[in-house]
Amino acid sequence: AASYSLIEAKMIDTILSDKAEERRVMFEEAAGISKYKQQRKETLRQLE
């Protein structure tokens, strides 16, 4: 739903913006680490 395969005009603006956090989401998805970050969040949530 929020991957780089579905890009809108505002998502292009996000990639070109100065906000590193907004660009990081797409780069992490492309690098294949978003799954592990999500697993880490779920694990931390389960630990909590």
All heavy atoms as atom14 arrays in JSON, in Angstrom:
{
  "sequence": "AASYSLIEAKMIDTILSDKAEERRVMFEEAAGISKYKQQRKETLRQLE",
  "atom14_mask": [
    [1, 1, 1, 1, 1, 0, 0, 0, 0, 0, 0, 0, 0, 0],
    [1, 1, 1, 1, 1, 0, 0, 0, 0, 0, 0, 0, 0, 0],
    [1, 1, 1, 1, 1, 1, 0, 0, 0, 0, 0, 0, 0, 0],
    [1, 1, 1, 1, 1, 1, 1, 1, 1, 1, 1, 1, 0, 0],
    [1, 1, 1, 1, 1, 1, 0, 0, 0, 0, 0, 0, 0, 0],
    [1, 1, 1, 1, 1, 1, 1, 1, 0, 0, 0, 0, 0, 0],
    [1, 1, 1, 1, 1, 1, 1, 1, 0, 0, 0, 0, 0, 0],
    [1, 1, 1, 1, 1, 1, 1, 1, 1, 0, 0, 0, 0, 0],
    [1, 1, 1, 1, 1, 0, 0, 0, 0, 0, 0, 0, 0, 0],
    [1, 1, 1, 1, 1, 1, 1, 1, 1, 0, 0, 0, 0, 0],
    [1, 1, 1, 1, 1, 1, 1, 1, 0, 0, 0, 0, 0, 0],
    [1, 1, 1, 1, 1, 1, 1, 1, 0, 0, 0, 0, 0, 0],
    [1, 1, 1, 1, 1, 1, 1, 1, 0, 0, 0, 0, 0, 0],
    [1, 1, 1, 1, 1, 1, 1, 0, 0, 0, 0, 0, 0, 0],
    [1, 1, 1, 1, 1, 1, 1, 1, 0, 0, 0, 0, 0, 0],
    [1, 1, 1, 1, 1, 1, 1, 1, 0, 0, 0, 0, 0, 0],
    [1, 1, 1, 1, 1, 1, 0, 0, 0, 0, 0, 0, 0, 0],
    [1, 1, 1, 1, 1, 1, 1, 1, 0, 0, 0, 0, 0, 0],
    [1, 1, 1, 1, 1, 1, 1, 1, 1, 0, 0, 0, 0, 0],
    [1, 1, 1, 1, 1, 0, 0, 0, 0, 0, 0, 0, 0, 0],
    [1, 1, 1, 1, 1, 1, 1, 1, 1, 0, 0, 0, 0, 0],
    [1, 1, 1, 1, 1, 1, 1, 1, 1, 0, 0, 0, 0, 0],
    [1, 1, 1, 1, 1, 1, 1, 1, 1, 1, 1, 0, 0, 0],
    [1, 1, 1, 1, 1, 1, 1, 1, 1, 1, 1, 0, 0, 0],
    [1, 1, 1, 1, 1, 1, 1, 0, 0, 0, 0, 0, 0, 0],
    [1, 1, 1, 1, 1, 1, 1, 1, 0, 0, 0, 0, 0, 0],
    [1, 1, 1, 1, 1, 1, 1, 1, 1, 1, 1, 0, 0, 0],
    [1, 1, 1, 1, 1, 1, 1, 1, 1, 0, 0, 0, 0, 0],
    [1, 1, 1, 1, 1, 1, 1, 1, 1, 0, 0, 0, 0, 0],
    [1, 1, 1, 1, 1, 0, 0, 0, 0, 0, 0, 0, 0, 0],
    [1, 1, 1, 1, 1, 0, 0, 0, 0, 0, 0, 0, 0, 0],
    [1, 1, 1, 1, 0, 0, 0, 0, 0, 0, 0, 0, 0, 0],
    [1, 1, 1, 1, 1, 1, 1, 1, 0, 0, 0, 0, 0, 0],
    [1, 1, 1, 1, 1, 1, 0, 0, 0, 0, 0, 0, 0, 0],
    [1, 1, 1, 1, 1, 1, 1, 1, 1, 0, 0, 0, 0, 0],
    [1, 1, 1, 1, 1, 1, 1, 1, 1, 1, 1, 1, 0, 0],
    [1, 1, 1, 1, 1, 1, 1, 1, 1, 0, 0, 0, 0, 0],
    [1, 1, 1, 1, 1, 1, 1, 1, 1, 0, 0, 0, 0, 0],
    [1, 1, 1, 1, 1, 1, 1, 1, 1, 0, 0, 0, 0, 0],
    [1, 1, 1, 1, 1, 1, 1, 1, 1, 1, 1, 0, 0, 0],
    [1, 1, 1, 1, 1, 1, 1, 1, 1, 0, 0, 0, 0, 0],
    [1, 1, 1, 1, 1, 1, 1, 1, 1, 0, 0, 0, 0, 0],
    [1, 1, 1, 1, 1, 1, 1, 0, 0, 0, 0, 0, 0, 0],
    [1, 1, 1, 1, 1, 1, 1, 1, 0, 0, 0, 0, 0, 0],
    [1, 1, 1, 1, 1, 1, 1, 1, 1, 1, 1, 0, 0, 0],
    [1, 1, 1, 1, 1, 1, 1, 1, 1, 0, 0, 0, 0, 0],
    [1, 1, 1, 1, 1, 1, 1, 1, 0, 0, 0, 0, 0, 0],
    [1, 1, 1, 1, 1, 1, 1, 1, 1, 0, 0, 0, 0, 0]
  ],
  "atom14_positions": [
    [[0.82, -1.21, 0.0], [0.0, 0.0, 0.0], [0.85, 1.25, 0.0], [0.45, 2.29, -0.54], [-0.94, -0.01, 1.21], [0.0, 0.0, 0.0], [0.0, 0.0, 0.0], [0.0, 0.0, 0.0], [0.0, 0.0, 0.0], [0.0, 0.0, 0.0], [0.0, 0.0, 0.0], [0.0, 0.0, 0.0], [0.0, 0.0, 0.0], [0.0, 0.0, 0.0]],
    [[2.04, 1.19, 0.6], [2.89, 2.39, 0.68], [4.26, 2.14, 0.06], [5.26, 2.76, 0.43], [3.06, 2.8, 2.15], [0.0, 0.0, 0.0], [0.0, 0.0, 0.0], [0.0, 0.0, 0.0], [0.0, 0.0, 0.0], [0.0, 0.0, 0.0], [0.0, 0.0, 0.0], [0.0, 0.0, 0.0], [0.0, 0.0, 0.0], [0.0, 0.0, 0.0]],
    [[4.35, 1.2, -0.9], [5.64, 0.85, -1.49], [5.96, 1.77, -2.67], [5.13, 2.57, -3.11], [5.62, -0.62, -1.94], [4.74, -0.76, -3.04], [0.0, 0.0, 0.0], [0.0, 0.0, 0.0], [0.0, 0.0, 0.0], [0.0, 0.0, 0.0], [0.0, 0.0, 0.0], [0.0, 0.0, 0.0], [0.0, 0.0, 0.0], [0.0, 0.0, 0.0]],
    [[7.19, 1.62, -3.17], [7.63, 2.45, -4.29], [7.06, 1.98, -5.63], [7.29, 2.6, -6.65], [9.16, 2.46, -4.36], [9.78, 1.09, -4.49], [9.91, 0.47, -5.74], [10.24, 0.4, -3.38], [10.46, -0.77, -5.86], [10.8, -0.86, -3.5], [10.91, -1.43, -4.74], [11.47, -2.68, -4.86], [0.0, 0.0, 0.0], [0.0, 0.0, 0.0]],
    [[6.32, 0.86, -5.63], [5.71, 0.41, -6.89], [4.51, 1.27, -7.27], [4.13, 1.33, -8.43], [5.26, -1.05, -6.76], [6.39, -1.88, -6.58], [0.0, 0.0, 0.0], [0.0, 0.0, 0.0], [0.0, 0.0, 0.0], [0.0, 0.0, 0.0], [0.0, 0.0, 0.0], [0.0, 0.0, 0.0], [0.0, 0.0, 0.0], [0.0, 0.0, 0.0]],
    [[3.89, 1.89, -6.29], [2.74, 2.76, -6.54], [3.16, 4.19, -6.17], [3.22, 4.54, -5.0], [1.53, 2.34, -5.69], [1.05, 0.89, -5.89], [-0.07, 0.57, -4.93], [0.57, 0.7, -7.33], [0.0, 0.0, 0.0], [0.0, 0.0, 0.0], [0.0, 0.0, 0.0], [0.0, 0.0, 0.0], [0.0, 0.0, 0.0], [0.0, 0.0, 0.0]],
    [[3.46, 4.99, -7.18], [4.0, 6.33, -6.96], [3.01, 7.35, -7.48], [2.55, 7.27, -8.62], [5.37, 6.5, -7.65], [6.38, 5.51, -7.07], [5.87, 7.92, -7.49], [7.74, 5.58, -7.7], [0.0, 0.0, 0.0], [0.0, 0.0, 0.0], [0.0, 0.0, 0.0], [0.0, 0.0, 0.0], [0.0, 0.0, 0.0], [0.0, 0.0, 0.0]],
    [[2.65, 8.28, -6.6], [1.81, 9.4, -6.98], [2.68, 10.64, -7.13], [3.88, 10.63, -6.8], [0.74, 9.64, -5.92], [-0.17, 8.44, -5.69], [-1.09, 8.68, -4.52], [-0.76, 9.53, -3.67], [-2.15, 8.03, -4.45], [0.0, 0.0, 0.0], [0.0, 0.0, 0.0], [0.0, 0.0, 0.0], [0.0, 0.0, 0.0], [0.0, 0.0, 0.0]],
    [[2.05, 11.71, -7.6], [2.8, 12.96, -7.77], [3.35, 13.46, -6.44], [4.5, 13.92, -6.35], [1.92, 14.02, -8.42], [0.0, 0.0, 0.0], [0.0, 0.0, 0.0], [0.0, 0.0, 0.0], [0.0, 0.0, 0.0], [0.0, 0.0, 0.0], [0.0, 0.0, 0.0], [0.0, 0.0, 0.0], [0.0, 0.0, 0.0], [0.0, 0.0, 0.0]],
    [[2.54, 13.34, -5.39], [3.0, 13.84, -4.09], [4.13, 12.96, -3.54], [4.96, 13.43, -2.75], [1.85, 13.89, -3.1], [1.21, 12.56, -2.79], [0.08, 12.74, -1.79], [-0.55, 11.41, -1.43], [-1.65, 11.55, -0.45], [0.0, 0.0, 0.0], [0.0, 0.0, 0.0], [0.0, 0.0, 0.0], [0.0, 0.0, 0.0], [0.0, 0.0, 0.0]],
    [[4.17, 11.66, -3.95], [5.26, 10.8, -3.51], [6.57, 11.2, -4.18], [7.64, 11.09, -3.6], [4.92, 9.34, -3.81], [3.72, 8.83, -3.04], [3.27, 7.12, -3.44], [4.69, 6.28, -2.76], [0.0, 0.0, 0.0], [0.0, 0.0, 0.0], [0.0, 0.0, 0.0], [0.0, 0.0, 0.0], [0.0, 0.0, 0.0], [0.0, 0.0, 0.0]],
    [[6.49, 11.69, -5.44], [7.69, 12.21, -6.1], [8.2, 13.43, -5.36], [9.42, 13.59, -5.14], [7.4, 12.53, -7.57], [7.0, 11.25, -8.32], [8.59, 13.19, -8.23], [6.56, 11.49, -9.74], [0.0, 0.0, 0.0], [0.0, 0.0, 0.0], [0.0, 0.0, 0.0], [0.0, 0.0, 0.0], [0.0, 0.0, 0.0], [0.0, 0.0, 0.0]],
    [[7.28, 14.28, -4.92], [7.68, 15.44, -4.12], [8.34, 15.0, -2.83], [9.29, 15.63, -2.35], [6.46, 16.31, -3.81], [5.86, 16.92, -5.08], [6.62, 17.05, -6.08], [4.67, 17.26, -5.07], [0.0, 0.0, 0.0], [0.0, 0.0, 0.0], [0.0, 0.0, 0.0], [0.0, 0.0, 0.0], [0.0, 0.0, 0.0], [0.0, 0.0, 0.0]],
    [[7.85, 13.89, -2.25], [8.44, 13.38, -1.02], [9.88, 12.93, -1.24], [10.78, 13.2, -0.44], [7.6, 12.2, -0.48], [6.28, 12.65, -0.2], [8.21, 11.63, 0.79], [0.0, 0.0, 0.0], [0.0, 0.0, 0.0], [0.0, 0.0, 0.0], [0.0, 0.0, 0.0], [0.0, 0.0, 0.0], [0.0, 0.0, 0.0], [0.0, 0.0, 0.0]],
    [[10.12, 12.25, -2.38], [11.47, 11.78, -2.68], [12.42, 12.96, -2.87], [13.59, 12.93, -2.44], [11.46, 10.88, -3.92], [10.62, 9.61, -3.65], [12.86, 10.48, -4.34], [10.42, 8.74, -4.87], [0.0, 0.0, 0.0], [0.0, 0.0, 0.0], [0.0, 0.0, 0.0], [0.0, 0.0, 0.0], [0.0, 0.0, 0.0], [0.0, 0.0, 0.0]],
    [[11.93, 14.0, -3.5], [12.78, 15.16, -3.79], [12.83, 16.17, -2.65], [13.54, 17.17, -2.75], [12.27, 15.87, -5.06], [12.27, 15.0, -6.34], [11.68, 15.78, -7.49], [13.68, 14.52, -6.66], [0.0, 0.0, 0.0], [0.0, 0.0, 0.0], [0.0, 0.0, 0.0], [0.0, 0.0, 0.0], [0.0, 0.0, 0.0], [0.0, 0.0, 0.0]],
    [[12.09, 15.93, -1.57], [12.05, 16.9, -0.47], [13.32, 16.8, 0.36], [14.14, 15.89, 0.21], [10.83, 16.65, 0.4], [10.96, 15.42, 1.09], [0.0, 0.0, 0.0], [0.0, 0.0, 0.0], [0.0, 0.0, 0.0], [0.0, 0.0, 0.0], [0.0, 0.0, 0.0], [0.0, 0.0, 0.0], [0.0, 0.0, 0.0], [0.0, 0.0, 0.0]],
    [[13.45, 17.76, 1.28], [14.63, 17.8, 2.15], [14.45, 16.95, 3.41], [15.38, 16.86, 4.22], [14.92, 19.25, 2.56], [15.32, 20.1, 1.36], [15.84, 19.51, 0.39], [15.08, 21.32, 1.39], [0.0, 0.0, 0.0], [0.0, 0.0, 0.0], [0.0, 0.0, 0.0], [0.0, 0.0, 0.0], [0.0, 0.0, 0.0], [0.0, 0.0, 0.0]],
    [[13.28, 16.34, 3.56], [13.02, 15.56, 4.76], [13.54, 14.14, 4.57], [13.01, 13.37, 3.78], [11.53, 15.54, 5.08], [10.95, 16.93, 5.37], [9.46, 16.84, 5.67], [8.9, 18.23, 5.95], [7.43, 18.19, 6.23], [0.0, 0.0, 0.0], [0.0, 0.0, 0.0], [0.0, 0.0, 0.0], [0.0, 0.0, 0.0], [0.0, 0.0, 0.0]],
    [[14.6, 13.81, 5.31], [15.24, 12.5, 5.16], [14.32, 11.37, 5.61], [14.35, 10.27, 5.05], [16.54, 12.46, 5.94], [0.0, 0.0, 0.0], [0.0, 0.0, 0.0], [0.0, 0.0, 0.0], [0.0, 0.0, 0.0], [0.0, 0.0, 0.0], [0.0, 0.0, 0.0], [0.0, 0.0, 0.0], [0.0, 0.0, 0.0], [0.0, 0.0, 0.0]],
    [[13.49, 11.62, 6.63], [12.61, 10.57, 7.14], [11.63, 10.11, 6.08], [11.3, 8.92, 5.99], [11.86, 11.07, 8.39], [12.74, 11.27, 9.61], [13.34, 9.97, 10.1], [12.7, 8.91, 9.89], [14.44, 9.99, 10.66], [0.0, 0.0, 0.0], [0.0, 0.0, 0.0], [0.0, 0.0, 0.0], [0.0, 0.0, 0.0], [0.0, 0.0, 0.0]],
    [[11.12, 11.05, 5.27], [10.16, 10.7, 4.24], [10.81, 9.89, 3.12], [10.18, 9.01, 2.54], [9.51, 11.96, 3.69], [8.68, 12.71, 4.72], [8.03, 13.94, 4.14], [8.31, 14.25, 2.96], [7.25, 14.62, 4.84], [0.0, 0.0, 0.0], [0.0, 0.0, 0.0], [0.0, 0.0, 0.0], [0.0, 0.0, 0.0], [0.0, 0.0, 0.0]],
    [[12.07, 10.21, 2.79], [12.76, 9.43, 1.75], [13.18, 8.06, 2.26], [13.26, 7.11, 1.49], [14.0, 10.19, 1.26], [13.68, 11.49, 0.55], [14.89, 11.97, -0.26], [16.07, 12.12, 0.58], [16.37, 13.24, 1.22], [15.59, 14.3, 1.12], [17.45, 13.32, 1.95], [0.0, 0.0, 0.0], [0.0, 0.0, 0.0], [0.0, 0.0, 0.0]],
    [[13.47, 7.99, 3.55], [14.0, 6.75, 4.1], [13.02, 5.59, 3.93], [13.43, 4.44, 3.7], [14.31, 6.94, 5.59], [14.88, 5.68, 6.25], [15.19, 5.93, 7.7], [16.17, 6.99, 7.86], [16.54, 7.48, 9.04], [15.99, 7.02, 10.14], [17.45, 8.44, 9.1], [0.0, 0.0, 0.0], [0.0, 0.0, 0.0], [0.0, 0.0, 0.0]],
    [[11.69, 5.86, 4.03], [10.7, 4.79, 3.92], [10.82, 4.07, 2.59], [10.84, 2.83, 2.53], [9.28, 5.38, 4.11], [8.24, 4.28, 3.9], [9.12, 6.0, 5.49], [0.0, 0.0, 0.0], [0.0, 0.0, 0.0], [0.0, 0.0, 0.0], [0.0, 0.0, 0.0], [0.0, 0.0, 0.0], [0.0, 0.0, 0.0], [0.0, 0.0, 0.0]],
    [[10.94, 4.84, 1.49], [11.05, 4.21, 0.17], [12.38, 3.5, 0.0], [12.45, 2.41, -0.56], [10.87, 5.27, -0.91], [9.46, 5.78, -1.03], [9.22, 6.73, -2.53], [7.46, 7.03, -2.41], [0.0, 0.0, 0.0], [0.0, 0.0, 0.0], [0.0, 0.0, 0.0], [0.0, 0.0, 0.0], [0.0, 0.0, 0.0], [0.0, 0.0, 0.0]],
    [[13.44, 4.1, 0.49], [14.76, 3.46, 0.36], [14.81, 2.16, 1.15], [15.42, 1.17, 0.7], [15.86, 4.42, 0.82], [16.0, 5.62, -0.08], [16.51, 6.82, 0.4], [15.65, 5.55, -1.42], [16.65, 7.92, -0.44], [15.78, 6.64, -2.26], [16.29, 7.84, -1.77], [0.0, 0.0, 0.0], [0.0, 0.0, 0.0], [0.0, 0.0, 0.0]],
    [[14.21, 2.14, 2.31], [14.21, 0.91, 3.1], [13.38, -0.17, 2.42], [13.75, -1.34, 2.43], [13.65, 1.19, 4.5], [14.6, 2.0, 5.38], [13.98, 2.33, 6.73], [12.75, 2.1, 6.88], [14.7, 2.8, 7.62], [0.0, 0.0, 0.0], [0.0, 0.0, 0.0], [0.0, 0.0, 0.0], [0.0, 0.0, 0.0], [0.0, 0.0, 0.0]],
    [[12.27, 0.21, 1.79], [11.46, -0.75, 1.05], [12.24, -1.3, -0.13], [12.23, -2.52, -0.4], [10.16, -0.08, 0.58], [9.26, -0.98, -0.24], [8.59, -2.05, 0.59], [8.5, -1.89, 1.81], [8.15, -3.06, 0.0], [0.0, 0.0, 0.0], [0.0, 0.0, 0.0], [0.0, 0.0, 0.0], [0.0, 0.0, 0.0], [0.0, 0.0, 0.0]],
    [[12.97, -0.41, -0.84], [13.76, -0.86, -1.99], [14.94, -1.72, -1.56], [15.33, -2.66, -2.26], [14.25, 0.35, -2.77], [0.0, 0.0, 0.0], [0.0, 0.0, 0.0], [0.0, 0.0, 0.0], [0.0, 0.0, 0.0], [0.0, 0.0, 0.0], [0.0, 0.0, 0.0], [0.0, 0.0, 0.0], [0.0, 0.0, 0.0], [0.0, 0.0, 0.0]],
    [[15.48, -1.43, -0.39], [16.63, -2.2, 0.09], [16.21, -3.53, 0.72], [17.06, -4.37, 1.01], [17.42, -1.38, 1.12], [0.0, 0.0, 0.0], [0.0, 0.0, 0.0], [0.0, 0.0, 0.0], [0.0, 0.0, 0.0], [0.0, 0.0, 0.0], [0.0, 0.0, 0.0], [0.0, 0.0, 0.0], [0.0, 0.0, 0.0], [0.0, 0.0, 0.0]],
    [[14.93, -3.71, 0.96], [14.45, -4.98, 1.5], [14.59, -5.12, 2.99], [14.69, -6.24, 3.49], [0.0, 0.0, 0.0], [0.0, 0.0, 0.0], [0.0, 0.0, 0.0], [0.0, 0.0, 0.0], [0.0, 0.0, 0.0], [0.0, 0.0, 0.0], [0.0, 0.0, 0.0], [0.0, 0.0, 0.0], [0.0, 0.0, 0.0], [0.0, 0.0, 0.0]],
    [[14.62, -4.01, 3.73], [14.78, -4.09, 5.18], [13.5, -3.67, 5.93], [13.45, -3.76, 7.15], [15.95, -3.21, 5.67], [15.65, -1.73, 5.37], [17.25, -3.66, 5.04], [16.69, -0.8, 5.96], [0.0, 0.0, 0.0], [0.0, 0.0, 0.0], [0.0, 0.0, 0.0], [0.0, 0.0, 0.0], [0.0, 0.0, 0.0], [0.0, 0.0, 0.0]],
    [[12.5, -3.23, 5.18], [11.28, -2.8, 5.85], [10.61, -3.96, 6.58], [9.99, -3.79, 7.62], [10.3, -2.18, 4.85], [9.98, -3.11, 3.84], [0.0, 0.0, 0.0], [0.0, 0.0, 0.0], [0.0, 0.0, 0.0], [0.0, 0.0, 0.0], [0.0, 0.0, 0.0], [0.0, 0.0, 0.0], [0.0, 0.0, 0.0], [0.0, 0.0, 0.0]],
    [[10.75, -5.17, 5.99], [10.15, -6.34, 6.63], [10.76, -6.56, 8.01], [10.04, -6.81, 8.99], [10.37, -7.57, 5.75], [9.88, -8.87, 6.38], [10.13, -10.03, 5.44], [9.65, -11.34, 6.06], [9.89, -12.49, 5.15], [0.0, 0.0, 0.0], [0.0, 0.0, 0.0], [0.0, 0.0, 0.0], [0.0, 0.0, 0.0], [0.0, 0.0, 0.0]],
    [[12.08, -6.43, 8.1], [12.75, -6.67, 9.37], [12.46, -5.55, 10.37], [12.34, -5.79, 11.58], [14.25, -6.82, 9.14], [14.57, -7.9, 8.16], [15.0, -7.6, 6.86], [14.42, -9.25, 8.5], [15.28, -8.6, 5.94], [14.7, -10.26, 7.59], [15.13, -9.92, 6.31], [15.39, -10.91, 5.41], [0.0, 0.0, 0.0], [0.0, 0.0, 0.0]],
    [[12.32, -4.32, 9.85], [11.95, -3.22, 10.74], [10.54, -3.45, 11.29], [10.29, -3.19, 12.48], [12.01, -1.88, 10.01], [13.42, -1.44, 9.66], [13.46, 0.01, 9.24], [13.09, 0.94, 10.37], [13.22, 2.36, 10.02], [0.0, 0.0, 0.0], [0.0, 0.0, 0.0], [0.0, 0.0, 0.0], [0.0, 0.0, 0.0], [0.0, 0.0, 0.0]],
    [[9.65, -3.95, 10.42], [8.3, -4.22, 10.89], [8.31, -5.36, 11.91], [7.6, -5.31, 12.92], [7.4, -4.58, 9.7], [5.95, -4.82, 10.08], [5.28, -3.58, 10.62], [5.69, -2.45, 10.32], [4.25, -3.77, 11.44], [0.0, 0.0, 0.0], [0.0, 0.0, 0.0], [0.0, 0.0, 0.0], [0.0, 0.0, 0.0], [0.0, 0.0, 0.0]],
    [[9.12, -6.39, 11.63], [9.23, -7.49, 12.59], [9.79, -7.0, 13.92], [9.36, -7.42, 14.99], [10.1, -8.6, 12.02], [9.46, -9.35, 10.86], [10.38, -10.4, 10.28], [11.57, -10.47, 10.62], [9.86, -11.22, 9.37], [0.0, 0.0, 0.0], [0.0, 0.0, 0.0], [0.0, 0.0, 0.0], [0.0, 0.0, 0.0], [0.0, 0.0, 0.0]],
    [[10.77, -6.06, 13.81], [11.34, -5.49, 15.04], [10.28, -4.72, 15.82], [10.18, -4.83, 17.05], [12.51, -4.58, 14.68], [13.17, -3.91, 15.89], [14.39, -3.11, 15.45], [15.0, -2.41, 16.56], [14.64, -1.19, 16.96], [13.67, -0.55, 16.31], [15.22, -0.62, 17.98], [0.0, 0.0, 0.0], [0.0, 0.0, 0.0], [0.0, 0.0, 0.0]],
    [[9.47, -3.93, 15.1], [8.39, -3.2, 15.78], [7.41, -4.15, 16.45], [7.0, -3.94, 17.59], [7.66, -2.31, 14.77], [8.46, -1.12, 14.28], [7.63, -0.28, 13.3], [8.43, 0.91, 12.77], [7.63, 1.71, 11.8], [0.0, 0.0, 0.0], [0.0, 0.0, 0.0], [0.0, 0.0, 0.0], [0.0, 0.0, 0.0], [0.0, 0.0, 0.0]],
    [[7.03, -5.21, 15.71], [6.09, -6.16, 16.28], [6.69, -6.87, 17.49], [6.01, -7.1, 18.49], [5.67, -7.18, 15.22], [4.83, -6.59, 14.1], [4.45, -7.62, 13.07], [4.88, -8.79, 13.23], [3.71, -7.28, 12.12], [0.0, 0.0, 0.0], [0.0, 0.0, 0.0], [0.0, 0.0, 0.0], [0.0, 0.0, 0.0], [0.0, 0.0, 0.0]],
    [[8.0, -7.2, 17.38], [8.65, -7.86, 18.51], [8.7, -6.94, 19.72], [8.41, -7.36, 20.85], [10.08, -8.28, 18.12], [10.02, -9.16, 16.99], [10.75, -9.01, 19.27], [0.0, 0.0, 0.0], [0.0, 0.0, 0.0], [0.0, 0.0, 0.0], [0.0, 0.0, 0.0], [0.0, 0.0, 0.0], [0.0, 0.0, 0.0], [0.0, 0.0, 0.0]],
    [[9.06, -5.65, 19.47], [9.07, -4.69, 20.58], [7.67, -4.51, 21.16], [7.51, -4.4, 22.38], [9.63, -3.34, 20.1], [11.11, -3.32, 19.73], [11.51, -1.96, 19.16], [11.97, -3.65, 20.94], [0.0, 0.0, 0.0], [0.0, 0.0, 0.0], [0.0, 0.0, 0.0], [0.0, 0.0, 0.0], [0.0, 0.0, 0.0], [0.0, 0.0, 0.0]],
    [[6.67, -4.51, 20.27], [5.3, -4.37, 20.75], [4.91, -5.58, 21.6], [4.27, -5.46, 22.65], [4.35, -4.22, 19.57], [2.93, -3.83, 19.97], [2.02, -3.71, 18.77], [2.51, -2.77, 17.78], [2.95, -3.1, 16.57], [2.93, -4.38, 16.2], [3.37, -2.19, 15.72], [0.0, 0.0, 0.0], [0.0, 0.0, 0.0], [0.0, 0.0, 0.0]],
    [[5.32, -6.77, 21.11], [5.01, -7.97, 21.88], [5.74, -7.98, 23.22], [5.18, -8.39, 24.24], [5.39, -9.22, 21.08], [4.51, -9.46, 19.85], [4.97, -10.63, 19.02], [5.98, -11.27, 19.33], [4.24, -10.93, 17.95], [0.0, 0.0, 0.0], [0.0, 0.0, 0.0], [0.0, 0.0, 0.0], [0.0, 0.0, 0.0], [0.0, 0.0, 0.0]],
    [[7.0, -7.49, 23.21], [7.74, -7.39, 24.47], [7.07, -6.42, 25.43], [6.99, -6.68, 26.64], [9.19, -6.95, 24.2], [10.09, -7.98, 23.54], [11.44, -7.37, 23.21], [10.29, -9.19, 24.45], [0.0, 0.0, 0.0], [0.0, 0.0, 0.0], [0.0, 0.0, 0.0], [0.0, 0.0, 0.0], [0.0, 0.0, 0.0], [0.0, 0.0, 0.0]],
    [[6.57, -5.31, 24.85], [5.86, -4.35, 25.69], [4.59, -4.97, 26.27], [4.3, -4.8, 27.46], [5.52, -3.11, 24.87], [4.83, -2.01, 25.68], [4.54, -0.78, 24.83], [4.93, -0.77, 23.65], [3.91, 0.15, 25.35], [0.0, 0.0, 0.0], [0.0, 0.0, 0.0], [0.0, 0.0, 0.0], [0.0, 0.0, 0.0], [0.0, 0.0, 0.0]]
  ]
}
